[in-house]
Protein backbone atom coordinates (compact mmCIF):
# COMPACT_ATOMS: atom_id res chain seq x y z
CA MET A 1 -43.32 135.34 82.03
CA SER A 2 -44.02 131.88 83.62
CA GLU A 3 -47.16 131.34 86.24
CA LEU A 4 -45.83 131.49 90.14
CA LEU A 5 -46.83 128.28 91.63
CA VAL A 6 -46.65 127.34 95.46
CA ALA A 7 -43.10 126.43 96.68
CA GLU A 8 -40.37 127.28 98.76
CA GLY A 9 -39.71 130.35 99.74
CA GLN A 10 -43.01 132.12 98.34
CA VAL A 11 -45.70 133.69 100.17
CA VAL A 12 -49.11 132.11 99.21
CA THR A 13 -52.31 133.64 100.68
CA VAL A 14 -55.41 131.84 101.25
CA ASN A 15 -58.75 131.83 102.58
CA TYR A 16 -59.81 128.21 104.24
CA THR A 17 -62.12 127.41 106.05
CA LEU A 18 -61.01 124.02 108.83
CA ARG A 19 -63.70 121.16 109.93
CA GLY A 20 -63.75 118.35 112.52
CA ASP A 21 -64.59 115.14 111.39
CA ASP A 22 -68.15 116.06 112.78
CA GLY A 23 -68.44 119.12 110.27
CA GLU A 24 -68.52 121.43 113.17
CA VAL A 25 -66.27 124.97 112.08
CA LEU A 26 -62.96 124.49 113.94
CA ASP A 27 -61.57 127.71 112.18
CA ALA A 28 -62.22 130.25 108.99
CA SER A 29 -60.13 133.06 107.05
CA THR A 30 -62.24 135.48 104.87
CA VAL A 31 -62.25 136.86 101.72
CA GLU A 32 -61.40 140.39 103.65
CA ASP A 33 -58.58 138.58 105.81
CA PRO A 34 -56.86 135.89 104.29
CA MET A 35 -54.50 133.51 105.86
CA ALA A 36 -50.74 134.79 104.38
CA TYR A 37 -47.75 132.33 105.04
CA LEU A 38 -44.18 131.74 103.72
CA HIS A 39 -44.00 128.34 102.45
CA GLY A 40 -41.36 125.75 103.85
CA ALA A 41 -41.28 127.63 106.95
CA ASP A 42 -43.38 125.43 108.96
CA ASN A 43 -46.01 127.90 109.30
CA ILE A 44 -48.83 126.06 108.78
CA VAL A 45 -49.44 122.27 109.40
CA PRO A 46 -47.20 120.07 107.07
CA GLY A 47 -50.18 117.83 105.35
CA LEU A 48 -51.82 121.18 104.25
CA GLU A 49 -48.25 122.72 102.71
CA LYS A 50 -47.50 119.46 101.39
CA ALA A 51 -50.98 119.06 99.49
CA LEU A 52 -50.16 123.27 98.15
CA GLU A 53 -47.21 122.53 97.09
CA GLY A 54 -47.46 123.16 92.81
CA LYS A 55 -50.87 124.90 92.78
CA ALA A 56 -51.25 127.95 91.05
CA VAL A 57 -53.96 130.98 91.90
CA GLY A 58 -57.47 129.92 91.90
CA TYR A 59 -56.55 126.45 93.10
CA LYS A 60 -59.95 125.25 95.38
CA GLY A 61 -59.66 122.27 97.28
CA LYS A 62 -60.40 119.44 99.41
CA VAL A 63 -57.33 118.63 101.65
CA THR A 64 -58.02 115.90 104.79
CA VAL A 65 -54.61 116.34 106.93
CA SER A 66 -54.32 113.40 109.22
CA PRO A 67 -53.05 114.01 113.25
CA GLU A 68 -49.17 112.73 112.67
CA ASP A 69 -49.22 115.45 109.38
CA GLY A 70 -51.26 118.09 111.79
CA TYR A 71 -50.70 119.52 115.20
CA GLY A 72 -49.60 115.43 116.09
CA GLU A 73 -51.08 112.90 118.23
CA ARG A 74 -52.59 113.20 121.43
CA ASP A 75 -50.14 112.41 124.20
CA GLU A 76 -52.61 110.93 127.24
CA ASP A 77 -50.13 110.98 129.56
CA ASP A 78 -49.38 114.94 129.30
CA GLU A 79 -52.02 115.64 131.43
CA PRO A 80 -53.22 119.44 131.58
CA ASN A 81 -51.46 121.79 134.33
CA ALA A 82 -52.96 124.04 136.91
CA ILE A 83 -51.09 127.12 137.60
CA PRO A 84 -51.82 129.36 140.03
CA ARG A 85 -53.56 132.82 139.03
CA LYS A 86 -50.94 135.34 140.39
CA ALA A 87 -48.76 133.65 137.48
CA PHE A 88 -50.27 135.72 135.45
CA PRO A 89 -50.60 139.85 135.04
CA PRO A 90 -53.41 140.76 137.45
CA ASP A 91 -55.15 143.44 135.48
CA MET A 92 -55.38 140.27 132.67
CA GLU A 93 -58.78 138.74 131.66
CA ILE A 94 -58.19 134.76 131.06
CA GLU A 95 -60.46 132.62 128.89
CA ALA A 96 -60.33 129.67 127.39
CA GLY A 97 -58.75 128.93 123.63
CA MET A 98 -56.05 131.78 125.12
CA THR A 99 -51.85 130.77 124.08
CA PHE A 100 -49.32 131.92 125.97
CA MET A 101 -45.39 130.75 125.95
CA ALA A 102 -43.82 129.37 129.14
CA GLU A 103 -40.41 129.37 129.33
CA GLY A 104 -39.10 125.81 130.09
CA PRO A 105 -35.94 125.34 133.08
CA ASN A 106 -33.32 126.37 129.79
CA ASP A 107 -34.53 129.29 128.61
CA GLU A 108 -36.62 127.10 126.13
CA HIS A 109 -39.77 128.57 125.34
CA ALA A 110 -43.03 126.56 124.18
CA PRO A 111 -46.61 127.41 123.77
CA ILE A 112 -49.36 126.72 126.61
CA TRP A 113 -53.79 126.46 125.60
CA VAL A 114 -56.03 127.72 128.24
CA ILE A 115 -58.24 125.56 128.61
CA GLY A 116 -59.75 126.36 131.77
CA VAL A 117 -60.24 128.68 134.33
CA GLU A 118 -61.49 127.44 138.27
CA GLY A 119 -61.21 129.72 140.56
CA ASP A 120 -57.60 130.88 141.23
CA LYS A 121 -56.68 128.26 139.30
CA VAL A 122 -55.35 128.50 134.87
CA ILE A 123 -55.80 124.96 133.66
CA VAL A 124 -53.86 124.76 130.80
CA ASP A 125 -52.44 122.09 128.38
CA SER A 126 -48.71 122.32 126.66
CA GLN A 127 -50.48 120.07 123.28
CA HIS A 128 -52.18 122.33 120.53
CA PRO A 129 -55.82 122.19 120.88
CA LEU A 130 -56.04 119.80 117.67
CA ALA A 131 -53.22 117.39 118.78
CA GLY A 132 -54.89 113.87 117.61
CA ARG A 133 -57.83 114.86 115.18
CA THR A 134 -57.83 114.76 111.92
CA LEU A 135 -58.37 118.30 110.28
CA HIS A 136 -60.56 118.82 107.27
CA PHE A 137 -59.58 121.94 104.55
CA GLU A 138 -61.68 123.60 102.73
CA VAL A 139 -58.97 125.82 100.48
CA GLU A 140 -58.50 128.29 97.60
CA VAL A 141 -55.04 130.08 96.48
CA LEU A 142 -55.74 133.81 96.32
CA GLY A 143 -52.25 134.76 95.70
CA ILE A 144 -48.24 133.90 95.56
CA ARG A 145 -45.56 136.13 95.61
CA ALA A 146 -42.06 135.74 96.01
CA ALA A 147 -41.05 136.56 99.61
CA SER A 148 -38.43 139.31 100.51
CA GLU A 149 -34.89 138.70 101.71
CA GLU A 150 -36.65 140.19 105.11
CA GLU A 151 -39.53 137.69 105.06
CA LEU A 152 -36.96 134.82 104.43
CA ALA A 153 -35.21 135.83 107.10
CA HIS A 154 -37.85 136.45 109.77
CA GLY A 155 -39.38 132.78 108.65
CA HIS A 156 -42.66 133.96 108.16
CA PRO A 157 -44.56 137.11 105.45
CA HIS A 158 -45.14 140.69 106.48
CA GLY A 159 -47.55 143.12 105.51
CA PRO A 160 -51.61 142.43 104.67
CA GLY A 161 -52.64 139.32 105.93
CA GLY A 162 -49.01 138.65 107.60
CA HIS A 163 -47.01 139.00 110.82
CA HIS A 164 -45.25 142.65 110.83
CA ASP A 165 -45.69 143.68 113.97
CA HIS A 166 -42.34 142.34 116.24
């Protein structure tokens, strides 16, 4: 049997460290809690997905992802907004870094990121916090397997490292 390679329709498990230009760790997985994603389903930024295409278990590398292949360029005209605190559940503790799904006027849903809380206002941004930043990944491919029909239908992996609590 030939070795599986990272390709569309495969569940890929990786361990990674993400750094900014200054070397600051922005995000990381651990060997105990690696990240699983469905390749080809937009589960990870396009630049990292392209770099992992065709790699095998054991691959270790450094991948630099430009903003356009990451979380997009930052739109300086798209200013953060203040939302009244009462728009959130009263018993919910809200802090910077949290993500919520906001509903638009036509029932579309889009993520918003909390960047701060000022008195009775929650300051949110519709742009990803890493928009406009070059991303520096150190990544290791730990596992590759064929996705199940259910995972393909849902667009993400289930089970360890994946989403399984819908």
